[in-house]
Amino acid sequence: MKQLFETDSTMEERFGKCPYATAQSLISGKWAILILHYLEDGPIRFNELQRCMPKMTHATLSVQLKALVDNGLVERKQYEAIPPRVEYSLTDMGRKFHPVIEALQNWGQDYIDFLRTNKE
């Protein structure tokens, strides 16, 4: 097994150095992958995004979006209008996550099929 960094280093110490720790840190939020998935189709407003995930609270979505914006994966665009309008979209770096989302979808479906097969 390949070891990229010493085992006693923390995730924070590995961030920006180890590709696995960096990726895990960026998508560690419970809803991060789903948010990135829903943004793949183009810009979406906050309330529309929240309707895609009705079990997520307003506060949680705000925190998750702020983290994704701060990490450069999502762009927040505010329009000067009344009422204020804000849209979220993927940045160029966020769009590079598409093959990962696609691979996760394929693996997730394979695992669902595995579960069904083993229950029968």
N, C-alpha and C. Protein backbone atom coordinates (compact mmCIF):
# COMPACT_ATOMS: atom_id res chain seq x y z
N MET A 1 0.84 -1.17 0.00
CA MET A 1 0.00 0.00 0.00
C MET A 1 0.89 1.24 0.00
N LYS A 2 0.58 2.18 -0.87
CA LYS A 2 1.36 3.40 -0.96
C LYS A 2 1.01 4.33 0.18
N GLN A 3 2.01 4.92 0.75
CA GLN A 3 1.78 5.89 1.82
C GLN A 3 2.32 7.23 1.33
N LEU A 4 1.44 8.21 1.22
CA LEU A 4 1.85 9.51 0.71
C LEU A 4 2.48 10.39 1.76
N PHE A 5 2.01 10.29 2.99
CA PHE A 5 2.51 11.12 4.07
C PHE A 5 2.55 10.30 5.35
N GLU A 6 3.33 10.78 6.29
CA GLU A 6 3.45 10.07 7.55
C GLU A 6 2.08 9.92 8.20
N THR A 7 1.89 8.82 8.90
CA THR A 7 0.58 8.50 9.46
C THR A 7 0.19 9.39 10.62
N ASP A 8 1.14 10.07 11.25
CA ASP A 8 0.76 10.89 12.40
C ASP A 8 0.41 12.34 12.00
N SER A 9 0.43 12.64 10.71
CA SER A 9 0.03 14.00 10.30
C SER A 9 -1.49 14.08 10.26
N THR A 10 -2.00 15.28 10.49
CA THR A 10 -3.45 15.48 10.49
C THR A 10 -3.94 15.78 9.08
N MET A 11 -5.25 15.71 8.90
CA MET A 11 -5.84 16.04 7.61
C MET A 11 -5.49 17.49 7.24
N GLU A 12 -5.51 18.38 8.21
CA GLU A 12 -5.20 19.78 7.94
C GLU A 12 -3.76 19.94 7.44
N GLU A 13 -2.85 19.15 8.01
CA GLU A 13 -1.45 19.20 7.58
C GLU A 13 -1.27 18.61 6.19
N ARG A 14 -2.14 17.70 5.82
CA ARG A 14 -2.04 17.05 4.51
C ARG A 14 -2.72 17.86 3.40
N PHE A 15 -3.63 18.77 3.79
CA PHE A 15 -4.38 19.55 2.80
C PHE A 15 -3.41 20.34 1.93
N GLY A 16 -3.62 20.26 0.62
CA GLY A 16 -2.76 20.97 -0.32
C GLY A 16 -1.46 20.26 -0.63
N LYS A 17 -1.25 19.11 0.00
CA LYS A 17 -0.03 18.33 -0.23
C LYS A 17 -0.37 16.94 -0.73
N CYS A 18 -1.33 16.33 -0.10
CA CYS A 18 -1.76 14.97 -0.45
C CYS A 18 -3.06 15.08 -1.25
N PRO A 19 -3.10 14.53 -2.46
CA PRO A 19 -4.32 14.66 -3.28
C PRO A 19 -5.55 14.01 -2.65
N TYR A 20 -5.37 12.91 -1.94
CA TYR A 20 -6.51 12.24 -1.30
C TYR A 20 -7.07 13.07 -0.15
N ALA A 21 -6.18 13.57 0.70
CA ALA A 21 -6.62 14.38 1.83
C ALA A 21 -7.24 15.69 1.35
N THR A 22 -6.68 16.27 0.31
CA THR A 22 -7.21 17.51 -0.24
C THR A 22 -8.61 17.29 -0.79
N ALA A 23 -8.79 16.25 -1.61
CA ALA A 23 -10.10 15.96 -2.18
C ALA A 23 -11.12 15.65 -1.09
N GLN A 24 -10.73 14.83 -0.12
CA GLN A 24 -11.65 14.47 0.96
C GLN A 24 -12.07 15.71 1.74
N SER A 25 -11.14 16.59 2.01
CA SER A 25 -11.46 17.80 2.74
C SER A 25 -12.44 18.69 1.98
N LEU A 26 -12.25 18.80 0.67
CA LEU A 26 -13.11 19.67 -0.14
C LEU A 26 -14.54 19.15 -0.26
N ILE A 27 -14.73 17.85 -0.23
CA ILE A 27 -16.07 17.29 -0.41
C ILE A 27 -16.57 16.59 0.85
N SER A 28 -16.02 16.98 2.00
CA SER A 28 -16.36 16.29 3.24
C SER A 28 -17.72 16.68 3.80
N GLY A 29 -18.29 17.78 3.37
CA GLY A 29 -19.61 18.17 3.85
C GLY A 29 -20.64 17.14 3.43
N LYS A 30 -21.59 16.88 4.30
CA LYS A 30 -22.61 15.85 4.06
C LYS A 30 -23.32 16.03 2.72
N TRP A 31 -23.52 17.28 2.31
CA TRP A 31 -24.29 17.56 1.10
C TRP A 31 -23.43 18.04 -0.06
N ALA A 32 -22.12 18.15 0.10
CA ALA A 32 -21.25 18.76 -0.91
C ALA A 32 -21.38 18.09 -2.28
N ILE A 33 -21.35 16.78 -2.31
CA ILE A 33 -21.40 16.08 -3.61
C ILE A 33 -22.73 16.31 -4.29
N LEU A 34 -23.83 16.27 -3.53
CA LEU A 34 -25.13 16.52 -4.13
C LEU A 34 -25.26 17.95 -4.64
N ILE A 35 -24.73 18.90 -3.89
CA ILE A 35 -24.76 20.29 -4.34
C ILE A 35 -24.00 20.43 -5.66
N LEU A 36 -22.82 19.86 -5.72
CA LEU A 36 -22.04 19.93 -6.95
C LEU A 36 -22.78 19.25 -8.11
N HIS A 37 -23.45 18.16 -7.81
CA HIS A 37 -24.24 17.46 -8.83
C HIS A 37 -25.36 18.35 -9.36
N TYR A 38 -26.13 18.97 -8.47
CA TYR A 38 -27.24 19.80 -8.91
C TYR A 38 -26.78 21.05 -9.65
N LEU A 39 -25.60 21.52 -9.39
CA LEU A 39 -25.07 22.70 -10.08
C LEU A 39 -24.50 22.38 -11.46
N GLU A 40 -24.38 21.10 -11.78
CA GLU A 40 -23.83 20.71 -13.08
C GLU A 40 -24.69 21.19 -14.25
N ASP A 41 -25.97 21.35 -14.04
CA ASP A 41 -26.86 21.75 -15.13
C ASP A 41 -26.87 23.25 -15.37
N GLY A 42 -26.13 24.00 -14.58
CA GLY A 42 -26.06 25.45 -14.77
C GLY A 42 -26.44 26.18 -13.51
N PRO A 43 -26.41 27.52 -13.58
CA PRO A 43 -26.70 28.35 -12.40
C PRO A 43 -28.07 28.03 -11.80
N ILE A 44 -28.13 28.11 -10.49
CA ILE A 44 -29.38 27.83 -9.79
C ILE A 44 -29.47 28.75 -8.58
N ARG A 45 -30.67 29.18 -8.29
CA ARG A 45 -30.89 30.06 -7.14
C ARG A 45 -30.96 29.23 -5.86
N PHE A 46 -30.70 29.91 -4.75
CA PHE A 46 -30.62 29.26 -3.45
C PHE A 46 -31.87 28.42 -3.16
N ASN A 47 -33.05 29.03 -3.28
CA ASN A 47 -34.29 28.30 -2.94
C ASN A 47 -34.54 27.12 -3.86
N GLU A 48 -34.18 27.26 -5.13
CA GLU A 48 -34.33 26.13 -6.05
C GLU A 48 -33.43 24.98 -5.62
N LEU A 49 -32.22 25.33 -5.23
CA LEU A 49 -31.28 24.32 -4.77
C LEU A 49 -31.78 23.64 -3.51
N GLN A 50 -32.34 24.42 -2.61
CA GLN A 50 -32.86 23.84 -1.37
C GLN A 50 -34.04 22.92 -1.66
N ARG A 51 -34.86 23.24 -2.64
CA ARG A 51 -35.99 22.36 -2.99
C ARG A 51 -35.51 21.01 -3.52
N CYS A 52 -34.32 20.98 -4.09
CA CYS A 52 -33.75 19.70 -4.57
C CYS A 52 -33.40 18.78 -3.41
N MET A 53 -33.18 19.38 -2.22
CA MET A 53 -32.77 18.62 -1.04
C MET A 53 -33.61 19.07 0.14
N PRO A 54 -34.88 18.70 0.17
CA PRO A 54 -35.81 19.25 1.17
C PRO A 54 -35.47 18.93 2.62
N LYS A 55 -34.67 17.93 2.88
CA LYS A 55 -34.32 17.61 4.28
C LYS A 55 -33.19 18.49 4.80
N MET A 56 -32.57 19.26 3.93
CA MET A 56 -31.48 20.14 4.34
C MET A 56 -32.05 21.47 4.82
N THR A 57 -31.55 21.94 5.94
CA THR A 57 -32.02 23.22 6.46
C THR A 57 -31.38 24.37 5.69
N HIS A 58 -32.02 25.53 5.80
CA HIS A 58 -31.51 26.75 5.18
C HIS A 58 -30.09 27.04 5.67
N ALA A 59 -29.89 26.92 6.97
CA ALA A 59 -28.58 27.20 7.57
C ALA A 59 -27.51 26.25 7.06
N THR A 60 -27.84 24.97 6.96
CA THR A 60 -26.88 23.98 6.49
C THR A 60 -26.50 24.25 5.04
N LEU A 61 -27.48 24.55 4.21
CA LEU A 61 -27.18 24.86 2.81
C LEU A 61 -26.29 26.09 2.72
N SER A 62 -26.57 27.09 3.52
CA SER A 62 -25.74 28.30 3.53
C SER A 62 -24.29 27.98 3.88
N VAL A 63 -24.11 27.18 4.91
CA VAL A 63 -22.76 26.81 5.35
C VAL A 63 -22.04 26.00 4.27
N GLN A 64 -22.74 25.02 3.69
CA GLN A 64 -22.13 24.19 2.66
C GLN A 64 -21.75 25.01 1.43
N LEU A 65 -22.65 25.90 1.00
CA LEU A 65 -22.36 26.74 -0.16
C LEU A 65 -21.20 27.68 0.12
N LYS A 66 -21.16 28.25 1.31
CA LYS A 66 -20.07 29.15 1.67
C LYS A 66 -18.74 28.42 1.59
N ALA A 67 -18.69 27.20 2.10
CA ALA A 67 -17.45 26.41 2.06
C ALA A 67 -17.05 26.12 0.61
N LEU A 68 -18.01 25.75 -0.22
CA LEU A 68 -17.71 25.45 -1.63
C LEU A 68 -17.27 26.70 -2.37
N VAL A 69 -17.86 27.85 -2.04
CA VAL A 69 -17.43 29.12 -2.63
C VAL A 69 -16.01 29.45 -2.15
N ASP A 70 -15.78 29.35 -0.85
CA ASP A 70 -14.47 29.66 -0.28
C ASP A 70 -13.37 28.77 -0.87
N ASN A 71 -13.73 27.54 -1.21
CA ASN A 71 -12.75 26.60 -1.76
C ASN A 71 -12.62 26.70 -3.28
N GLY A 72 -13.37 27.61 -3.90
CA GLY A 72 -13.21 27.84 -5.33
C GLY A 72 -13.91 26.87 -6.23
N LEU A 73 -14.85 26.08 -5.69
CA LEU A 73 -15.58 25.12 -6.52
C LEU A 73 -16.90 25.68 -7.02
N VAL A 74 -17.45 26.64 -6.30
CA VAL A 74 -18.74 27.24 -6.63
C VAL A 74 -18.59 28.75 -6.66
N GLU A 75 -19.31 29.37 -7.58
CA GLU A 75 -19.33 30.83 -7.69
C GLU A 75 -20.68 31.34 -7.22
N ARG A 76 -20.65 32.42 -6.47
CA ARG A 76 -21.88 33.08 -5.99
C ARG A 76 -21.99 34.40 -6.72
N LYS A 77 -23.11 34.59 -7.41
CA LYS A 77 -23.33 35.83 -8.16
C LYS A 77 -24.59 36.50 -7.63
N GLN A 78 -24.42 37.72 -7.14
CA GLN A 78 -25.55 38.47 -6.60
C GLN A 78 -25.96 39.54 -7.60
N TYR A 79 -27.25 39.57 -7.90
CA TYR A 79 -27.80 40.56 -8.81
C TYR A 79 -28.44 41.68 -7.99
N GLU A 80 -28.22 42.89 -8.43
CA GLU A 80 -28.84 44.04 -7.77
C GLU A 80 -30.29 44.13 -8.25
N ALA A 81 -31.17 43.58 -7.48
CA ALA A 81 -32.59 43.56 -7.81
C ALA A 81 -33.37 43.57 -6.51
N ILE A 82 -34.63 43.87 -6.62
CA ILE A 82 -35.51 43.82 -5.45
C ILE A 82 -36.61 42.83 -5.78
N PRO A 83 -36.73 41.75 -5.04
CA PRO A 83 -35.86 41.32 -3.95
C PRO A 83 -34.50 40.88 -4.48
N PRO A 84 -33.48 40.87 -3.61
CA PRO A 84 -32.15 40.46 -4.05
C PRO A 84 -32.18 39.05 -4.64
N ARG A 85 -31.40 38.85 -5.68
CA ARG A 85 -31.35 37.55 -6.34
C ARG A 85 -29.91 37.07 -6.34
N VAL A 86 -29.71 35.84 -5.91
CA VAL A 86 -28.38 35.24 -5.87
C VAL A 86 -28.43 33.91 -6.61
N GLU A 87 -27.45 33.69 -7.45
CA GLU A 87 -27.34 32.42 -8.16
C GLU A 87 -26.00 31.79 -7.85
N TYR A 88 -26.01 30.47 -7.86
CA TYR A 88 -24.79 29.70 -7.63
C TYR A 88 -24.51 28.87 -8.87
N SER A 89 -23.24 28.76 -9.22
CA SER A 89 -22.84 27.95 -10.37
C SER A 89 -21.46 27.38 -10.09
N LEU A 90 -21.09 26.41 -10.89
CA LEU A 90 -19.77 25.81 -10.75
C LEU A 90 -18.70 26.71 -11.37
N THR A 91 -17.56 26.76 -10.74
CA THR A 91 -16.40 27.42 -11.33
C THR A 91 -15.75 26.44 -12.31
N ASP A 92 -14.71 26.88 -12.99
CA ASP A 92 -13.98 25.96 -13.88
C ASP A 92 -13.46 24.77 -13.08
N MET A 93 -12.93 25.04 -11.88
CA MET A 93 -12.43 23.94 -11.04
C MET A 93 -13.58 23.03 -10.60
N GLY A 94 -14.72 23.60 -10.29
CA GLY A 94 -15.89 22.81 -9.91
C GLY A 94 -16.36 21.92 -11.05
N ARG A 95 -16.30 22.43 -12.28
CA ARG A 95 -16.71 21.63 -13.44
C ARG A 95 -15.77 20.45 -13.68
N LYS A 96 -14.53 20.58 -13.24
CA LYS A 96 -13.57 19.47 -13.38
C LYS A 96 -13.94 18.29 -12.49
N PHE A 97 -14.88 18.50 -11.58
CA PHE A 97 -15.33 17.44 -10.68
C PHE A 97 -16.33 16.50 -11.38
N HIS A 98 -16.81 16.87 -12.56
CA HIS A 98 -17.84 16.08 -13.25
C HIS A 98 -17.45 14.60 -13.43
N PRO A 99 -16.25 14.27 -13.90
CA PRO A 99 -15.92 12.84 -14.04
C PRO A 99 -15.95 12.10 -12.71
N VAL A 100 -15.63 12.79 -11.63
CA VAL A 100 -15.66 12.16 -10.31
C VAL A 100 -17.11 11.87 -9.92
N ILE A 101 -18.00 12.83 -10.16
CA ILE A 101 -19.42 12.63 -9.86
C ILE A 101 -19.97 11.47 -10.69
N GLU A 102 -19.59 11.44 -11.95
CA GLU A 102 -20.04 10.36 -12.83
C GLU A 102 -19.54 9.00 -12.33
N ALA A 103 -18.27 8.95 -11.92
CA ALA A 103 -17.71 7.70 -11.40
C ALA A 103 -18.40 7.30 -10.10
N LEU A 104 -18.69 8.27 -9.23
CA LEU A 104 -19.40 7.97 -7.98
C LEU A 104 -20.81 7.45 -8.27
N GLN A 105 -21.48 8.03 -9.26
CA GLN A 105 -22.82 7.57 -9.63
C GLN A 105 -22.75 6.12 -10.11
N ASN A 106 -21.80 5.82 -10.97
CA ASN A 106 -21.67 4.45 -11.49
C ASN A 106 -21.35 3.46 -10.37
N TRP A 107 -20.41 3.84 -9.50
CA TRP A 107 -20.05 2.97 -8.39
C TRP A 107 -21.24 2.81 -7.44
N GLY A 108 -21.94 3.91 -7.17
CA GLY A 108 -23.11 3.85 -6.28
C GLY A 108 -24.18 2.92 -6.83
N GLN A 109 -24.42 2.98 -8.15
CA GLN A 109 -25.40 2.09 -8.76
C GLN A 109 -24.94 0.64 -8.68
N ASP A 110 -23.65 0.41 -8.92
CA ASP A 110 -23.11 -0.95 -8.78
C ASP A 110 -23.31 -1.47 -7.37
N TYR A 111 -23.11 -0.60 -6.39
CA TYR A 111 -23.28 -1.02 -5.00
C TYR A 111 -24.75 -1.30 -4.68
N ILE A 112 -25.65 -0.48 -5.20
CA ILE A 112 -27.10 -0.73 -5.02
C ILE A 112 -27.46 -2.09 -5.62
N ASP A 113 -26.94 -2.37 -6.82
CA ASP A 113 -27.19 -3.66 -7.46
C ASP A 113 -26.61 -4.81 -6.60
N PHE A 114 -25.44 -4.60 -6.05
CA PHE A 114 -24.81 -5.57 -5.16
C PHE A 114 -25.70 -5.85 -3.95
N LEU A 115 -26.22 -4.78 -3.34
CA LEU A 115 -27.10 -4.95 -2.18
C LEU A 115 -28.35 -5.74 -2.55
N ARG A 116 -28.94 -5.43 -3.67
CA ARG A 116 -30.15 -6.14 -4.11
C ARG A 116 -29.86 -7.61 -4.37
N THR A 117 -28.73 -7.88 -4.98
CA THR A 117 -28.36 -9.26 -5.29
C THR A 117 -28.14 -10.06 -4.02
N ASN A 118 -27.53 -9.46 -3.03
CA ASN A 118 -27.23 -10.16 -1.78
C ASN A 118 -28.43 -10.29 -0.86
N LYS A 119 -29.49 -9.55 -1.11
CA LYS A 119 -30.70 -9.66 -0.28
C LYS A 119 -31.63 -10.73 -0.82
N GLU A 120 -31.43 -11.12 -2.04
CA GLU A 120 -32.32 -12.11 -2.67
C GLU A 120 -31.90 -13.51 -2.38
